[in-house]
Amino acid sequence: MADNKTKPNKKGVADFISSIDDSDRRRDVKKVAAMMRAATGSRARMWGSNIVGYGQYHYKYESGREGDFMITGFSPRKQALTLYVIPGFKHFQPLMTKLGKYKTGKSCLYIRRLSDVDEKVLQRLIVASVKYMRKNYDTK
Protein backbone atom coordinates (compact mmCIF):
# COMPACT_ATOMS: atom_id res chain seq x y z
CA MET A 1 0.00 0.00 0.00
CA ALA A 2 1.18 3.51 -0.77
CA ASP A 3 1.88 5.89 2.09
CA ASN A 4 0.21 9.28 2.34
CA LYS A 5 2.15 11.89 0.41
CA THR A 6 1.16 14.60 2.87
CA LYS A 7 2.92 14.01 6.18
CA PRO A 8 3.80 16.16 9.17
CA ASN A 9 7.28 17.60 9.21
CA LYS A 10 9.46 19.89 11.28
CA LYS A 11 9.18 22.99 9.07
CA GLY A 12 8.29 26.13 10.98
CA VAL A 13 4.64 27.17 10.93
CA ALA A 14 5.40 30.75 12.01
CA ASP A 15 7.96 31.11 9.23
CA PHE A 16 5.49 29.71 6.71
CA ILE A 17 2.76 32.14 7.79
CA SER A 18 5.21 35.05 7.82
CA SER A 19 6.20 34.22 4.25
CA ILE A 20 2.68 34.93 2.92
CA ASP A 21 3.13 38.04 0.77
CA ASP A 22 -0.45 39.30 0.81
CA SER A 23 -0.99 41.06 4.14
CA ASP A 24 -4.78 40.53 4.04
CA ARG A 25 -4.33 36.79 3.43
CA ARG A 26 -1.72 36.63 6.20
CA ARG A 27 -4.14 38.33 8.62
CA ASP A 28 -6.93 35.91 7.64
CA VAL A 29 -4.59 32.94 8.09
CA LYS A 30 -3.62 34.09 11.58
CA LYS A 31 -7.31 34.30 12.56
CA VAL A 32 -8.06 30.84 11.16
CA ALA A 33 -4.97 29.47 12.91
CA ALA A 34 -6.23 30.83 16.23
CA MET A 35 -9.68 29.28 15.62
CA MET A 36 -8.18 25.88 14.90
CA ARG A 37 -5.80 26.03 17.84
CA ALA A 38 -8.71 26.87 20.14
CA ALA A 39 -10.88 24.09 18.68
CA THR A 40 -8.24 21.38 18.92
CA GLY A 41 -6.04 22.45 21.81
CA SER A 42 -3.16 21.34 19.58
CA ARG A 43 -0.17 23.22 18.29
CA ALA A 44 0.09 23.73 14.55
CA ARG A 45 2.36 21.51 12.46
CA MET A 46 3.32 21.73 8.83
CA TRP A 47 1.95 18.89 6.70
CA GLY A 48 3.83 18.84 3.44
CA SER A 49 5.13 22.15 2.17
CA ASN A 50 2.02 24.34 2.40
CA ILE A 51 -0.59 22.86 4.75
CA VAL A 52 -0.88 23.79 8.41
CA GLY A 53 -2.56 21.04 10.39
CA TYR A 54 -3.86 20.55 13.91
CA GLY A 55 -4.17 17.33 15.84
CA GLN A 56 -3.98 13.91 14.29
CA TYR A 57 -6.27 10.93 13.78
CA HIS A 58 -5.84 7.36 12.66
CA TYR A 59 -8.01 5.97 9.88
CA LYS A 60 -8.47 2.49 8.49
CA TYR A 61 -10.42 1.75 5.31
CA GLU A 62 -12.26 -1.48 4.56
CA SER A 63 -9.58 -2.15 1.93
CA GLY A 64 -7.06 -2.43 4.75
CA ARG A 65 -5.30 0.83 3.96
CA GLU A 66 -4.65 2.85 7.08
CA GLY A 67 -2.72 5.89 8.14
CA ASP A 68 -2.65 9.11 10.08
CA PHE A 69 -3.78 12.58 9.06
CA MET A 70 -4.58 15.94 10.63
CA ILE A 71 -7.93 16.51 12.34
CA THR A 72 -8.27 19.93 10.72
CA GLY A 73 -6.05 22.40 8.94
CA PHE A 74 -5.70 25.02 6.25
CA SER A 75 -3.63 26.11 3.30
CA PRO A 76 -3.36 29.68 2.01
CA ARG A 77 -3.65 28.82 -1.68
CA LYS A 78 -3.45 31.52 -4.32
CA GLN A 79 -7.10 31.23 -5.45
CA ALA A 80 -8.65 30.72 -2.02
CA LEU A 81 -7.94 30.06 1.61
CA THR A 82 -8.56 26.31 1.86
CA LEU A 83 -9.79 24.88 5.16
CA TYR A 84 -9.79 21.14 5.69
CA VAL A 85 -13.05 19.98 7.29
CA ILE A 86 -12.09 16.32 7.31
CA PRO A 87 -15.53 14.72 7.91
CA GLY A 88 -16.98 16.70 5.00
CA PHE A 89 -20.07 18.87 5.22
CA LYS A 90 -23.16 16.64 5.30
CA HIS A 91 -23.17 16.62 9.12
CA PHE A 92 -23.04 20.41 9.31
CA GLN A 93 -25.73 21.65 6.90
CA PRO A 94 -27.39 24.04 9.39
CA LEU A 95 -24.06 25.82 9.84
CA MET A 96 -23.28 25.80 6.12
CA THR A 97 -26.49 27.67 5.32
CA LYS A 98 -25.40 30.48 7.66
CA LEU A 99 -21.73 30.61 6.72
CA GLY A 100 -21.71 33.06 3.83
CA LYS A 101 -19.89 32.95 0.49
CA TYR A 102 -17.81 29.80 -0.07
CA LYS A 103 -17.26 26.74 -2.24
CA THR A 104 -16.64 23.16 -1.14
CA GLY A 105 -14.93 20.01 -2.28
CA LYS A 106 -15.25 16.67 -0.50
CA SER A 107 -13.50 17.89 2.66
CA CYS A 108 -12.27 21.31 1.53
CA LEU A 109 -13.88 24.62 2.28
CA TYR A 110 -12.72 27.35 -0.09
CA ILE A 111 -13.12 30.99 0.90
CA ARG A 112 -11.62 33.92 -0.97
CA ARG A 113 -11.31 36.07 2.14
CA LEU A 114 -12.42 35.72 5.72
CA SER A 115 -14.73 38.72 5.36
CA ASP A 116 -16.84 36.62 2.93
CA VAL A 117 -18.02 34.39 5.77
CA ASP A 118 -19.45 34.79 9.25
CA GLU A 119 -16.43 34.20 11.49
CA LYS A 120 -18.55 33.02 14.42
CA VAL A 121 -20.25 30.42 12.23
CA LEU A 122 -16.87 29.37 10.84
CA GLN A 123 -15.57 28.90 14.38
CA ARG A 124 -18.63 26.77 15.23
CA LEU A 125 -18.06 24.69 12.09
CA ILE A 126 -14.43 24.05 13.02
CA VAL A 127 -15.38 23.10 16.59
CA ALA A 128 -18.17 20.78 15.39
CA SER A 129 -15.82 19.13 12.90
CA VAL A 130 -13.18 18.51 15.56
CA LYS A 131 -15.79 17.07 17.95
CA TYR A 132 -17.02 14.75 15.20
CA MET A 133 -13.49 13.54 14.50
CA ARG A 134 -12.76 12.90 18.18
CA LYS A 135 -16.01 11.02 18.62
CA ASN A 136 -15.56 8.81 15.55
CA TYR A 137 -11.80 8.25 15.25
CA ASP A 138 -8.74 7.47 17.32
CA THR A 139 -7.27 10.96 17.75
CA LYS A 140 -4.21 12.55 19.30
C-alpha atoms as a PDB file:
ATOM      1  CA  MET A   1       0.000   0.000   0.000  1.00  0.00           C
ATOM      2  CA  ALA A   2       1.178   3.512  -0.770  1.00  0.00           C
ATOM      3  CA  ASP A   3       1.876   5.895   2.087  1.00  0.00           C
ATOM      4  CA  ASN A   4       0.211   9.281   2.344  1.00  0.00           C
ATOM      5  CA  LYS A   5       2.149  11.887   0.407  1.00  0.00           C
ATOM      6  CA  THR A   6       1.156  14.596   2.872  1.00  0.00           C
ATOM      7  CA  LYS A   7       2.918  14.006   6.180  1.00  0.00           C
ATOM      8  CA  PRO A   8       3.797  16.162   9.170  1.00  0.00           C
ATOM      9  CA  ASN A   9       7.283  17.597   9.206  1.00  0.00           C
ATOM     10  CA  LYS A  10       9.459  19.894  11.276  1.00  0.00           C
ATOM     11  CA  LYS A  11       9.181  22.985   9.070  1.00  0.00           C
ATOM     12  CA  GLY A  12       8.288  26.127  10.985  1.00  0.00           C
ATOM     13  CA  VAL A  13       4.638  27.169  10.929  1.00  0.00           C
ATOM     14  CA  ALA A  14       5.399  30.747  12.014  1.00  0.00           C
ATOM     15  CA  ASP A  15       7.960  31.114   9.227  1.00  0.00           C
ATOM     16  CA  PHE A  16       5.486  29.709   6.712  1.00  0.00           C
ATOM     17  CA  ILE A  17       2.757  32.144   7.786  1.00  0.00           C
ATOM     18  CA  SER A  18       5.206  35.054   7.820  1.00  0.00           C
ATOM     19  CA  SER A  19       6.200  34.225   4.247  1.00  0.00           C
ATOM     20  CA  ILE A  20       2.678  34.929   2.921  1.00  0.00           C
ATOM     21  CA  ASP A  21       3.127  38.044   0.767  1.00  0.00           C
ATOM     22  CA  ASP A  22      -0.449  39.297   0.813  1.00  0.00           C
ATOM     23  CA  SER A  23      -0.993  41.065   4.140  1.00  0.00           C
ATOM     24  CA  ASP A  24      -4.778  40.530   4.042  1.00  0.00           C
ATOM     25  CA  ARG A  25      -4.333  36.790   3.426  1.00  0.00           C
ATOM     26  CA  ARG A  26      -1.716  36.629   6.200  1.00  0.00           C
ATOM     27  CA  ARG A  27      -4.135  38.331   8.618  1.00  0.00           C
ATOM     28  CA  ASP A  28      -6.930  35.910   7.637  1.00  0.00           C
ATOM     29  CA  VAL A  29      -4.585  32.937   8.090  1.00  0.00           C
ATOM     30  CA  LYS A  30      -3.623  34.086  11.578  1.00  0.00           C
ATOM     31  CA  LYS A  31      -7.308  34.304  12.561  1.00  0.00           C
ATOM     32  CA  VAL A  32      -8.064  30.839  11.163  1.00  0.00           C
ATOM     33  CA  ALA A  33      -4.968  29.470  12.909  1.00  0.00           C
ATOM     34  CA  ALA A  34      -6.233  30.833  16.228  1.00  0.00           C
ATOM     35  CA  MET A  35      -9.676  29.279  15.624  1.00  0.00           C
ATOM     36  CA  MET A  36      -8.176  25.882  14.896  1.00  0.00           C
ATOM     37  CA  ARG A  37      -5.800  26.028  17.836  1.00  0.00           C
ATOM     38  CA  ALA A  38      -8.707  26.869  20.144  1.00  0.00           C
ATOM     39  CA  ALA A  39     -10.883  24.086  18.684  1.00  0.00           C
ATOM     40  CA  THR A  40      -8.236  21.376  18.924  1.00  0.00           C
ATOM     41  CA  GLY A  41      -6.041  22.455  21.813  1.00  0.00           C
ATOM     42  CA  SER A  42      -3.161  21.342  19.577  1.00  0.00           C
ATOM     43  CA  ARG A  43      -0.170  23.222  18.286  1.00  0.00           C
ATOM     44  CA  ALA A  44       0.087  23.729  14.554  1.00  0.00           C
ATOM     45  CA  ARG A  45       2.357  21.514  12.457  1.00  0.00           C
ATOM     46  CA  MET A  46       3.319  21.727   8.826  1.00  0.00           C
ATOM     47  CA  TRP A  47       1.947  18.890   6.695  1.00  0.00           C
ATOM     48  CA  GLY A  48       3.829  18.837   3.437  1.00  0.00           C
ATOM     49  CA  SER A  49       5.134  22.146   2.171  1.00  0.00           C
ATOM     50  CA  ASN A  50       2.025  24.339   2.401  1.00  0.00           C
ATOM     51  CA  ILE A  51      -0.590  22.864   4.750  1.00  0.00           C
ATOM     52  CA  VAL A  52      -0.884  23.795   8.411  1.00  0.00           C
ATOM     53  CA  GLY A  53      -2.556  21.037  10.390  1.00  0.00           C
ATOM     54  CA  TYR A  54      -3.860  20.550  13.913  1.00  0.00           C
ATOM     55  CA  GLY A  55      -4.169  17.330  15.838  1.00  0.00           C
ATOM     56  CA  GLN A  56      -3.976  13.910  14.291  1.00  0.00           C
ATOM     57  CA  TYR A  57      -6.272  10.934  13.779  1.00  0.00           C
ATOM     58  CA  HIS A  58      -5.840   7.365  12.662  1.00  0.00           C
ATOM     59  CA  TYR A  59      -8.009   5.970   9.884  1.00  0.00           C
ATOM     60  CA  LYS A  60      -8.474   2.491   8.489  1.00  0.00           C
ATOM     61  CA  TYR A  61     -10.419   1.745   5.314  1.00  0.00           C
ATOM     62  CA  GLU A  62     -12.262  -1.480   4.555  1.00  0.00           C
ATOM     63  CA  SER A  63      -9.583  -2.147   1.935  1.00  0.00           C
ATOM     64  CA  GLY A  64      -7.061  -2.427   4.753  1.00  0.00           C
ATOM     65  CA  ARG A  65      -5.300   0.831   3.964  1.00  0.00           C
ATOM     66  CA  GLU A  66      -4.650   2.847   7.078  1.00  0.00           C
ATOM     67  CA  GLY A  67      -2.716   5.887   8.137  1.00  0.00           C
ATOM     68  CA  ASP A  68      -2.648   9.115  10.078  1.00  0.00           C
ATOM     69  CA  PHE A  69      -3.783  12.576   9.057  1.00  0.00           C
ATOM     70  CA  MET A  70      -4.579  15.940  10.631  1.00  0.00           C
ATOM     71  CA  ILE A  71      -7.933  16.509  12.340  1.00  0.00           C
ATOM     72  CA  THR A  72      -8.273  19.933  10.717  1.00  0.00           C
ATOM     73  CA  GLY A  73      -6.046  22.402   8.944  1.00  0.00           C
ATOM     74  CA  PHE A  74      -5.701  25.023   6.250  1.00  0.00           C
ATOM     75  CA  SER A  75      -3.629  26.107   3.296  1.00  0.00           C
ATOM     76  CA  PRO A  76      -3.363  29.681   2.009  1.00  0.00           C
ATOM     77  CA  ARG A  77      -3.654  28.818  -1.679  1.00  0.00           C
ATOM     78  CA  LYS A  78      -3.451  31.521  -4.324  1.00  0.00           C
ATOM     79  CA  GLN A  79      -7.097  31.230  -5.454  1.00  0.00           C
ATOM     80  CA  ALA A  80      -8.653  30.718  -2.017  1.00  0.00           C
ATOM     81  CA  LEU A  81      -7.936  30.061   1.612  1.00  0.00           C
ATOM     82  CA  THR A  82      -8.559  26.314   1.862  1.00  0.00           C
ATOM     83  CA  LEU A  83      -9.787  24.884   5.162  1.00  0.00           C
ATOM     84  CA  TYR A  84      -9.795  21.137   5.694  1.00  0.00           C
ATOM     85  CA  VAL A  85     -13.048  19.983   7.286  1.00  0.00           C
ATOM     86  CA  ILE A  86     -12.086  16.318   7.312  1.00  0.00           C
ATOM     87  CA  PRO A  87     -15.526  14.722   7.907  1.00  0.00           C
ATOM     88  CA  GLY A  88     -16.982  16.697   4.999  1.00  0.00           C
ATOM     89  CA  PHE A  89     -20.071  18.873   5.217  1.00  0.00           C
ATOM     90  CA  LYS A  90     -23.163  16.640   5.301  1.00  0.00           C
ATOM     91  CA  HIS A  91     -23.174  16.622   9.125  1.00  0.00           C
ATOM     92  CA  PHE A  92     -23.043  20.410   9.309  1.00  0.00           C
ATOM     93  CA  GLN A  93     -25.730  21.653   6.903  1.00  0.00           C
ATOM     94  CA  PRO A  94     -27.394  24.041   9.394  1.00  0.00           C
ATOM     95  CA  LEU A  95     -24.064  25.822   9.840  1.00  0.00           C
ATOM     96  CA  MET A  96     -23.276  25.799   6.117  1.00  0.00           C
ATOM     97  CA  THR A  97     -26.494  27.671   5.316  1.00  0.00           C
ATOM     98  CA  LYS A  98     -25.404  30.484   7.665  1.00  0.00           C
ATOM     99  CA  LEU A  99     -21.728  30.605   6.722  1.00  0.00           C
ATOM    100  CA  GLY A 100     -21.711  33.060   3.827  1.00  0.00           C
ATOM    101  CA  LYS A 101     -19.887  32.952   0.486  1.00  0.00           C
ATOM    102  CA  TYR A 102     -17.811  29.805  -0.071  1.00  0.00           C
ATOM    103  CA  LYS A 103     -17.259  26.735  -2.239  1.00  0.00           C
ATOM    104  CA  THR A 104     -16.641  23.161  -1.138  1.00  0.00           C
ATOM    105  CA  GLY A 105     -14.928  20.009  -2.278  1.00  0.00           C
ATOM    106  CA  LYS A 106     -15.250  16.670  -0.501  1.00  0.00           C
ATOM    107  CA  SER A 107     -13.496  17.894   2.664  1.00  0.00           C
ATOM    108  CA  CYS A 108     -12.265  21.311   1.530  1.00  0.00           C
ATOM    109  CA  LEU A 109     -13.884  24.623   2.283  1.00  0.00           C
ATOM    110  CA  TYR A 110     -12.720  27.349  -0.091  1.00  0.00           C
ATOM    111  CA  ILE A 111     -13.121  30.990   0.898  1.00  0.00           C
ATOM    112  CA  ARG A 112     -11.617  33.922  -0.973  1.00  0.00           C
ATOM    113  CA  ARG A 113     -11.309  36.070   2.145  1.00  0.00           C
ATOM    114  CA  LEU A 114     -12.423  35.718   5.723  1.00  0.00           C
ATOM    115  CA  SER A 115     -14.733  38.721   5.362  1.00  0.00           C
ATOM    116  CA  ASP A 116     -16.838  36.621   2.925  1.00  0.00           C
ATOM    117  CA  VAL A 117     -18.017  34.387   5.772  1.00  0.00           C
ATOM    118  CA  ASP A 118     -19.452  34.792   9.245  1.00  0.00           C
ATOM    119  CA  GLU A 119     -16.428  34.199  11.490  1.00  0.00           C
ATOM    120  CA  LYS A 120     -18.549  33.018  14.421  1.00  0.00           C
ATOM    121  CA  VAL A 121     -20.253  30.420  12.225  1.00  0.00           C
ATOM    122  CA  LEU A 122     -16.868  29.371  10.838  1.00  0.00           C
ATOM    123  CA  GLN A 123     -15.573  28.898  14.381  1.00  0.00           C
ATOM    124  CA  ARG A 124     -18.631  26.775  15.230  1.00  0.00           C
ATOM    125  CA  LEU A 125     -18.059  24.688  12.089  1.00  0.00           C
ATOM    126  CA  ILE A 126     -14.425  24.047  13.019  1.00  0.00           C
ATOM    127  CA  VAL A 127     -15.380  23.101  16.590  1.00  0.00           C
ATOM    128  CA  ALA A 128     -18.171  20.782  15.389  1.00  0.00           C
ATOM    129  CA  SER A 129     -15.824  19.132  12.896  1.00  0.00           C
ATOM    130  CA  VAL A 130     -13.176  18.513  15.563  1.00  0.00           C
ATOM    131  CA  LYS A 131     -15.788  17.070  17.952  1.00  0.00           C
ATOM    132  CA  TYR A 132     -17.016  14.751  15.205  1.00  0.00           C
ATOM    133  CA  MET A 133     -13.488  13.539  14.498  1.00  0.00           C
ATOM    134  CA  ARG A 134     -12.758  12.903  18.176  1.00  0.00           C
ATOM    135  CA  LYS A 135     -16.012  11.017  18.621  1.00  0.00           C
ATOM    136  CA  ASN A 136     -15.558   8.812  15.553  1.00  0.00           C
ATOM    137  CA  TYR A 137     -11.803   8.254  15.254  1.00  0.00           C
ATOM    138  CA  ASP A 138      -8.743   7.475  17.324  1.00  0.00           C
ATOM    139  CA  THR A 139      -7.268  10.961  17.753  1.00  0.00           C
ATOM    140  CA  LYS A 140      -4.212  12.554  19.303  1.00  0.00           C
END
